[in-house]
Amino acid sequence: MHALHLIVWGGAAFVLAAAVVWLLIPLAVRFGFVDQPAGRKDHAIPTPVTGGLGMLVAVLVCGAFMFDELGRGSLGFALAASMLVVMGLLDDRYDLPWWSRMAIQIAAALVLIYVGDVRIDRLGSMFGPDIPSMGVWSVPFTVFAIVGAINAVNMVDGADGLAGSLVLAGLVMLGIEAIWAGNASVYRYVPILIGAVAGFLLFNLRWPRRARARIFMGNSGSAFLGLVVACFVCRLTQAPQDPVDPVLALWLLPVPLIDCLVLMLRRVRHGHSPFSGDHNHVHYLMREAGFGPTRSALVLVVFSFACWGAVTLALSMGAQPVVCFAAFVVVCLLWYWTTSRRTRAVNLFRIVRVLSGGRALPVANPVGTEAP
C-alpha cells in the first residue's frame, strides 16, 4: 500500500472524526451525555462526552472502506471497541459501579483475544531470562495488559487535550516502529487511528480564540484509545517475523503508565481503593505549578518522545531489554519519591515551566506533607 494512499485515508479519518464529533455535540446535550462540573471536575459548564463515539465511527468506517476484506482481527477489534464505547457512554450518563466497568473491560479484552487473535505470548528477555512463550499465562497476562492500558489512559484524562495528545504521540511512535520493522499489518492502520484522534483533538484542545474544550472524550474515548494502543502494540511486539522488542511497549505511553502505577501503589499503601479519585495526578501537579492544559500536554508529549527515542537508540546499540525495563522501574520509583511530597513535585514543574518558556512563579513551601 503506497504512502500516498495511507495519507489520504488518514486525512479521511480526520475529516470524518471532526464531522461526527461536531454533529454529536448538540445531540449529546439534548440526551444528557454531558459532564457536569462538580467535585474534582473543574470545567466551567456542562460539556458533551461523546468524543469517543466520534473516533470509533471514523476508525470503523474508514477501516471498512480502506480494506477489501475484513478478517477476524478487524472483527474482534470492532466488537471489543464497540463494547467499550457503549459501556463508556452508559457510565458517563448513569455512573456505573466500578465492578461493572471492570467486567466489561475484561469481556472486551477476551473478545479481542479469542475473536481478534490478539495476545501476548512472548516477553523476550525483558525480565532477564528469555521467555519465548508464556503458555497458559498468555491469556490472563494479555487481559491484564489491555485492562491496564484502558485504565492508564482513563486516569490521565483530566486536562483538555492531554490524553488525546499523549495517545496521538504514542501512535506516531508506533507507526515509526512498524515501518522500521516492516510490519504492514500495523502501519497501514496507524494513519486512520492518527487521523481519528487528531479530528477529535480539533475540538478538545484549547486554541488561541477558544478558552475551553468543546467536547470531552469521556470514559468511552479513554477506554477506546486504551484498547487501540494495547491492540496494536500487541500486533507489533508479537509479530511472528521481525517483532519489535516487547519492552518498548512500556515507553510508547510512559506518562499514563507511570502516573497510573505510582498513584495506584500509593493509594493501596494508604488503605484506599486503587480506583479512588484524588488530585495527585500529573496534570493536577502541573496546573498547581502554573501550567495551562495545552502547555502541559506539549511538555509531556516532548517527554514521551524523548523517552521513546532514548530507549529505541539504546536497543539499537545493543542494550539488553532487561536494562530498559529496569530503567522504567527506576523512573517509576523516582516519580513515587518526587510526588511523595506535593511541594517537591510542584516545585519541579515550576522549574520545568521556566525552562519551557513560562514565567517564574514563587517556589512552594519546601516543608510539604506526604501525598495522600
Protein backbone atom coordinates (compact mmCIF):
# COMPACT_ATOMS: atom_id res chain seq x y z
CA MET A 1 0.00 0.00 0.00
CA HIS A 2 1.54 3.30 -1.15
CA ALA A 3 2.35 6.09 1.29
CA LEU A 4 0.04 8.50 -0.54
CA HIS A 5 -2.81 6.02 -0.14
CA LEU A 6 -2.22 5.85 3.60
CA ILE A 7 -2.02 9.65 3.90
CA VAL A 8 -5.33 10.03 2.03
CA TRP A 9 -7.08 7.59 4.36
CA GLY A 10 -5.56 9.30 7.38
CA GLY A 11 -6.95 12.59 6.11
CA ALA A 12 -10.34 10.99 5.50
CA ALA A 13 -10.39 9.71 9.10
CA PHE A 14 -9.51 13.20 10.34
CA VAL A 15 -12.33 14.84 8.39
CA LEU A 16 -14.88 12.16 9.31
CA ALA A 17 -13.95 12.20 13.01
CA ALA A 18 -14.14 16.00 13.13
CA ALA A 19 -17.50 15.99 11.36
CA VAL A 20 -19.03 13.29 13.58
CA VAL A 21 -17.69 14.90 16.77
CA TRP A 22 -19.17 18.25 15.71
CA LEU A 23 -22.54 16.70 14.85
CA LEU A 24 -22.65 14.85 18.17
CA ILE A 25 -22.26 18.00 20.30
CA PRO A 26 -25.92 19.15 20.15
CA LEU A 27 -27.19 15.56 20.35
CA ALA A 28 -25.11 14.91 23.48
CA VAL A 29 -26.55 18.00 25.16
CA ARG A 30 -30.10 17.03 24.18
CA PHE A 31 -29.89 13.47 25.52
CA GLY A 32 -27.86 14.22 28.63
CA PHE A 33 -24.46 12.83 27.64
CA VAL A 34 -22.62 15.71 29.28
CA ASP A 35 -20.04 16.00 32.04
CA GLN A 36 -21.35 18.22 34.83
CA PRO A 37 -18.83 20.44 36.67
CA ALA A 38 -18.79 19.01 40.20
CA GLY A 39 -16.32 17.57 42.70
CA ARG A 40 -12.89 17.14 41.09
CA LYS A 41 -14.30 18.29 37.72
CA ASP A 42 -13.47 21.95 37.37
CA HIS A 43 -14.64 22.79 33.86
CA ALA A 44 -16.91 25.83 33.70
CA ILE A 45 -20.03 24.46 32.02
CA PRO A 46 -21.59 21.04 31.22
CA THR A 47 -19.55 19.57 28.35
CA PRO A 48 -20.50 16.76 25.91
CA VAL A 49 -18.64 13.47 26.42
CA THR A 50 -19.22 11.82 23.04
CA GLY A 51 -15.72 12.23 21.61
CA GLY A 52 -15.05 8.50 21.94
CA LEU A 53 -18.05 7.69 19.75
CA GLY A 54 -16.84 10.11 17.09
CA MET A 55 -13.40 8.49 16.98
CA LEU A 56 -14.88 4.98 16.88
CA VAL A 57 -17.17 5.83 13.94
CA ALA A 58 -14.27 7.34 11.97
CA VAL A 59 -11.98 4.37 12.57
CA LEU A 60 -14.58 1.71 11.75
CA VAL A 61 -15.96 3.46 8.64
CA CYS A 62 -12.55 4.30 7.16
CA GLY A 63 -11.22 0.85 8.04
CA ALA A 64 -14.18 -0.85 6.33
CA PHE A 65 -13.74 1.15 3.12
CA MET A 66 -9.95 1.03 3.09
CA PHE A 67 -9.61 -2.75 3.09
CA ASP A 68 -11.41 -5.06 0.67
CA GLU A 69 -11.53 -8.00 3.07
CA LEU A 70 -12.03 -7.73 6.80
CA GLY A 71 -10.65 -10.71 8.71
CA ARG A 72 -11.01 -11.92 12.27
CA GLY A 73 -8.59 -9.32 13.54
CA SER A 74 -10.73 -6.45 12.30
CA LEU A 75 -13.93 -8.10 13.53
CA GLY A 76 -12.52 -8.72 17.01
CA PHE A 77 -11.26 -5.15 17.27
CA ALA A 78 -14.57 -3.69 16.11
CA LEU A 79 -16.60 -5.77 18.58
CA ALA A 80 -14.30 -5.06 21.54
CA ALA A 81 -14.09 -1.34 20.75
CA SER A 82 -17.87 -1.06 20.35
CA MET A 83 -18.43 -2.79 23.70
CA LEU A 84 -16.13 -0.34 25.46
CA VAL A 85 -17.59 2.76 23.81
CA VAL A 86 -21.15 1.74 24.71
CA MET A 87 -20.03 0.96 28.26
CA GLY A 88 -18.28 4.33 28.49
CA LEU A 89 -21.31 6.26 27.27
CA LEU A 90 -23.55 4.49 29.78
CA ASP A 91 -21.01 5.14 32.52
CA ASP A 92 -20.86 8.85 31.68
CA ARG A 93 -24.65 9.02 31.63
CA TYR A 94 -25.57 6.84 34.63
CA ASP A 95 -22.30 6.47 36.63
CA LEU A 96 -21.99 2.67 36.56
CA PRO A 97 -20.41 0.84 39.54
CA TRP A 98 -16.70 0.12 39.16
CA TRP A 99 -17.17 -3.65 39.10
CA SER A 100 -19.47 -3.47 36.07
CA ARG A 101 -16.95 -1.34 34.18
CA MET A 102 -14.20 -3.78 35.05
CA ALA A 103 -16.32 -6.76 33.95
CA ILE A 104 -16.99 -5.19 30.54
CA GLN A 105 -13.34 -4.27 30.11
CA ILE A 106 -12.34 -7.87 30.80
CA ALA A 107 -15.04 -9.13 28.43
CA ALA A 108 -13.81 -6.79 25.68
CA ALA A 109 -10.25 -7.99 26.25
CA LEU A 110 -11.38 -11.61 25.88
CA VAL A 111 -13.21 -10.74 22.65
CA LEU A 112 -10.05 -9.16 21.30
CA ILE A 113 -8.08 -12.27 22.29
CA TYR A 114 -10.39 -15.03 21.07
CA VAL A 115 -12.05 -13.29 18.13
CA GLY A 116 -9.34 -10.86 17.11
CA ASP A 117 -6.47 -13.26 17.81
CA VAL A 118 -4.53 -10.63 19.77
CA ARG A 119 -2.47 -11.90 22.65
CA ILE A 120 0.88 -11.54 24.40
CA ASP A 121 2.77 -14.80 24.20
CA ARG A 122 6.40 -13.70 24.31
CA LEU A 123 8.17 -11.23 26.58
CA GLY A 124 11.67 -11.79 25.28
CA SER A 125 14.35 -11.03 27.84
CA MET A 126 12.55 -8.09 29.46
CA PHE A 127 12.87 -9.70 32.90
CA GLY A 128 16.30 -11.22 32.33
CA PRO A 129 15.90 -14.83 31.15
CA ASP A 130 14.42 -15.19 27.68
CA ILE A 131 10.68 -16.04 27.78
CA PRO A 132 9.84 -17.38 24.29
CA SER A 133 6.31 -18.42 25.27
CA MET A 134 4.03 -17.68 28.21
CA GLY A 135 1.94 -20.80 27.68
CA VAL A 136 -1.19 -20.89 29.84
CA TRP A 137 -0.35 -17.45 31.28
CA SER A 138 -0.71 -15.77 27.90
CA VAL A 139 -4.44 -15.05 28.14
CA PRO A 140 -4.56 -13.70 31.73
CA PHE A 141 -1.45 -11.58 31.11
CA THR A 142 -2.97 -10.16 27.92
CA VAL A 143 -6.21 -9.34 29.75
CA PHE A 144 -4.17 -7.62 32.49
CA ALA A 145 -2.23 -5.59 29.91
CA ILE A 146 -5.34 -4.49 27.98
CA VAL A 147 -7.31 -3.54 31.10
CA GLY A 148 -4.22 -1.78 32.45
CA ALA A 149 -3.82 0.29 29.29
CA ILE A 150 -7.51 1.24 29.33
CA ASN A 151 -7.34 2.47 32.92
CA ALA A 152 -3.99 4.23 32.44
CA VAL A 153 -5.43 6.36 29.63
CA ASN A 154 -8.60 6.95 31.66
CA MET A 155 -6.65 8.17 34.70
CA VAL A 156 -4.56 10.66 32.73
CA ASP A 157 -7.65 12.10 31.03
CA GLY A 158 -8.06 15.07 33.34
CA ALA A 159 -7.00 18.11 31.31
CA ASP A 160 -8.14 19.41 27.93
CA GLY A 161 -6.20 17.68 25.16
CA LEU A 162 -3.83 15.73 27.42
CA ALA A 163 -4.89 12.11 26.98
CA GLY A 164 -5.58 12.55 23.28
CA SER A 165 -2.22 14.23 22.68
CA LEU A 166 -0.30 11.53 24.55
CA VAL A 167 -2.08 8.76 22.64
CA LEU A 168 -1.52 10.60 19.35
CA ALA A 169 2.20 10.78 20.15
CA GLY A 170 2.20 7.09 21.05
CA LEU A 171 0.54 6.22 17.73
CA VAL A 172 3.18 8.20 15.82
CA MET A 173 5.92 6.27 17.63
CA LEU A 174 4.04 3.03 16.98
CA GLY A 175 3.81 3.82 13.28
CA ILE A 176 7.52 4.61 13.02
CA GLU A 177 8.41 1.35 14.75
CA ALA A 178 6.03 -0.59 12.48
CA ILE A 179 7.54 0.95 9.34
CA TRP A 180 11.05 0.23 10.62
CA ALA A 181 10.11 -3.40 11.31
CA GLY A 182 8.21 -3.77 8.03
CA ASN A 183 5.01 -4.69 9.88
CA ALA A 184 2.34 -3.83 7.29
CA SER A 185 -0.48 -5.23 9.44
CA VAL A 186 0.18 -2.34 11.86
CA TYR A 187 1.47 0.61 9.86
CA ARG A 188 -1.36 0.54 7.32
CA TYR A 189 -3.87 1.10 10.15
CA VAL A 190 -1.94 3.78 12.02
CA PRO A 191 -2.80 6.74 9.71
CA ILE A 192 -6.52 6.09 10.26
CA LEU A 193 -6.02 5.97 14.02
CA ILE A 194 -3.91 9.14 14.00
CA GLY A 195 -6.46 10.93 11.80
CA ALA A 196 -9.37 9.98 14.07
CA VAL A 197 -7.58 11.16 17.23
CA ALA A 198 -6.48 14.40 15.54
CA GLY A 199 -10.05 15.06 14.39
CA PHE A 200 -11.23 14.75 17.99
CA LEU A 201 -8.41 16.97 19.30
CA LEU A 202 -9.56 19.70 16.93
CA PHE A 203 -12.47 20.21 19.37
CA ASN A 204 -10.77 19.06 22.58
CA LEU A 205 -7.61 21.18 22.62
CA ARG A 206 -7.66 24.82 23.65
CA TRP A 207 -6.83 27.21 20.83
CA PRO A 208 -5.96 30.95 20.95
CA ARG A 209 -9.60 32.00 20.47
CA ARG A 210 -11.13 29.11 22.41
CA ALA A 211 -10.66 29.08 26.17
CA ARG A 212 -12.11 25.62 26.82
CA ALA A 213 -12.69 22.27 25.13
CA ARG A 214 -15.96 21.96 23.23
CA ILE A 215 -16.14 18.21 23.83
CA PHE A 216 -14.52 15.56 26.02
CA MET A 217 -13.62 12.02 25.01
CA GLY A 218 -15.42 10.70 28.10
CA ASN A 219 -14.94 7.24 29.53
CA SER A 220 -15.90 5.86 26.12
CA GLY A 221 -12.98 7.66 24.49
CA SER A 222 -10.38 6.77 27.10
CA ALA A 223 -11.44 3.11 27.00
CA PHE A 224 -11.37 3.12 23.20
CA LEU A 225 -7.91 4.69 23.00
CA GLY A 226 -6.54 2.37 25.67
CA LEU A 227 -7.79 -0.59 23.65
CA VAL A 228 -6.34 0.85 20.43
CA VAL A 229 -2.86 1.21 21.94
CA ALA A 230 -2.95 -2.22 23.60
CA CYS A 231 -4.21 -3.95 20.45
CA PHE A 232 -1.66 -2.52 18.05
CA VAL A 233 1.25 -2.74 20.46
CA CYS A 234 0.47 -6.45 20.78
CA ARG A 235 0.37 -6.81 17.00
CA LEU A 236 3.70 -5.02 16.74
CA THR A 237 5.60 -6.80 19.51
CA GLN A 238 4.14 -10.27 18.96
CA ALA A 239 4.57 -10.44 15.18
CA PRO A 240 5.95 -13.83 14.08
CA GLN A 241 8.57 -12.17 11.86
CA ASP A 242 10.76 -9.22 12.87
CA PRO A 243 8.85 -8.32 16.04
CA VAL A 244 9.68 -5.16 17.95
CA ASP A 245 11.05 -5.93 21.40
CA PRO A 246 8.15 -6.12 23.92
CA VAL A 247 9.93 -3.84 26.41
CA LEU A 248 9.33 -0.93 24.05
CA ALA A 249 5.60 -1.13 24.85
CA LEU A 250 6.32 0.49 28.23
CA TRP A 251 7.88 3.53 26.57
CA LEU A 252 5.19 4.34 23.99
CA LEU A 253 2.87 5.72 26.70
CA PRO A 254 5.27 6.38 29.58
CA VAL A 255 3.31 9.20 31.23
CA PRO A 256 -0.06 7.41 31.61
CA LEU A 257 1.60 4.15 32.70
CA ILE A 258 3.94 5.71 35.27
CA ASP A 259 1.26 8.03 36.64
CA CYS A 260 -1.22 5.15 36.94
CA LEU A 261 1.20 2.70 38.59
CA VAL A 262 2.53 5.20 41.11
CA LEU A 263 -0.90 6.50 42.11
CA MET A 264 -2.42 3.05 42.49
CA LEU A 265 0.54 1.88 44.59
CA ARG A 266 0.27 4.93 46.85
CA ARG A 267 -3.50 4.53 47.27
CA VAL A 268 -3.15 0.88 48.22
CA ARG A 269 -0.35 1.72 50.63
CA HIS A 270 -2.60 4.23 52.39
CA GLY A 271 -5.52 1.80 52.54
CA HIS A 272 -7.58 3.41 49.78
CA SER A 273 -9.12 1.83 46.72
CA PRO A 274 -6.68 1.91 43.77
CA PHE A 275 -9.57 3.30 41.68
CA SER A 276 -10.44 6.15 44.06
CA GLY A 277 -10.08 9.69 42.77
CA ASP A 278 -7.73 12.39 44.01
CA HIS A 279 -5.78 15.48 42.90
CA ASN A 280 -2.38 13.79 42.75
CA HIS A 281 -2.30 13.07 39.01
CA VAL A 282 0.50 14.64 36.99
CA HIS A 283 -1.84 17.14 35.32
CA TYR A 284 -3.07 18.44 38.69
CA LEU A 285 0.50 18.94 39.87
CA MET A 286 1.38 20.77 36.66
CA ARG A 287 -1.67 23.00 36.95
CA GLU A 288 -0.66 23.91 40.51
CA ALA A 289 2.77 24.83 39.14
CA GLY A 290 1.17 27.29 36.72
CA PHE A 291 0.87 25.16 33.59
CA GLY A 292 -2.13 25.56 31.33
CA PRO A 293 -3.64 22.43 29.72
CA THR A 294 -2.08 22.97 26.29
CA ARG A 295 1.42 23.63 27.63
CA SER A 296 1.08 20.60 29.95
CA ALA A 297 0.19 18.38 27.01
CA LEU A 298 3.08 19.73 24.93
CA VAL A 299 5.67 19.24 27.69
CA LEU A 300 4.52 15.68 28.42
CA VAL A 301 4.44 14.81 24.71
CA VAL A 302 8.04 16.02 24.37
CA PHE A 303 8.98 13.96 27.43
CA SER A 304 7.32 10.89 25.88
CA PHE A 305 9.18 11.27 22.60
CA ALA A 306 12.46 11.76 24.48
CA CYS A 307 11.93 8.56 26.48
CA TRP A 308 10.99 6.56 23.40
CA GLY A 309 13.91 7.95 21.42
CA ALA A 310 16.41 7.15 24.18
CA VAL A 311 15.16 3.58 24.62
CA THR A 312 14.98 2.94 20.87
CA LEU A 313 18.55 4.22 20.47
CA ALA A 314 19.74 2.09 23.40
CA LEU A 315 18.17 -1.06 21.95
CA SER A 316 19.63 -0.34 18.50
CA MET A 317 23.07 -0.02 20.10
CA GLY A 318 22.78 -3.43 21.74
CA ALA A 319 21.35 -2.63 25.17
CA GLN A 320 19.61 -5.59 26.77
CA PRO A 321 15.82 -5.33 27.19
CA VAL A 322 16.18 -6.03 30.91
CA VAL A 323 18.16 -2.78 31.20
CA CYS A 324 15.33 -0.85 29.52
CA PHE A 325 12.81 -2.48 31.86
CA ALA A 326 15.00 -1.61 34.85
CA ALA A 327 15.11 1.99 33.62
CA PHE A 328 11.28 2.05 33.57
CA VAL A 329 11.19 0.77 37.17
CA VAL A 330 13.75 3.41 38.22
CA VAL A 331 11.67 6.19 36.65
CA CYS A 332 8.57 4.90 38.47
CA LEU A 333 10.45 4.89 41.78
CA LEU A 334 11.81 8.39 41.17
CA TRP A 335 8.32 9.67 40.40
CA TYR A 336 6.97 7.95 43.53
CA TRP A 337 9.65 9.68 45.62
CA THR A 338 9.12 13.04 43.92
CA THR A 339 5.35 13.01 44.42
CA SER A 340 5.54 11.71 47.99
CA ARG A 341 5.77 15.39 48.91
CA ARG A 342 3.45 17.52 46.86
CA THR A 343 5.53 20.70 47.18
CA ARG A 344 8.57 18.86 45.82
CA ALA A 345 6.66 17.79 42.70
CA VAL A 346 5.09 21.22 42.20
CA ASN A 347 8.45 22.98 42.54
CA LEU A 348 9.96 20.57 39.99
CA PHE A 349 7.26 21.50 37.50
CA ARG A 350 7.77 25.20 38.24
CA ILE A 351 11.37 24.76 37.15
CA VAL A 352 10.24 22.89 34.03
CA ARG A 353 7.75 25.68 33.32
CA VAL A 354 10.51 28.30 33.39
CA LEU A 355 12.77 26.14 31.19
CA SER A 356 9.92 25.73 28.68
CA GLY A 357 9.48 29.49 28.38
CA GLY A 358 6.95 30.21 31.13
CA ARG A 359 7.02 32.99 33.69
CA ALA A 360 8.72 32.20 37.01
CA LEU A 361 6.37 31.70 39.96
CA PRO A 362 7.12 31.75 43.70
CA VAL A 363 8.54 28.46 44.97
CA ALA A 364 6.16 26.45 47.14
CA ASN A 365 6.87 25.90 50.81
CA PRO A 366 9.51 23.12 50.91
CA VAL A 367 8.02 21.65 54.07
CA GLY A 368 5.32 19.56 52.46
CA THR A 369 3.28 16.65 53.68
CA GLU A 370 3.25 13.24 52.14
CA ALA A 371 0.76 12.92 49.31
CA PRO A 372 -2.41 11.14 50.36
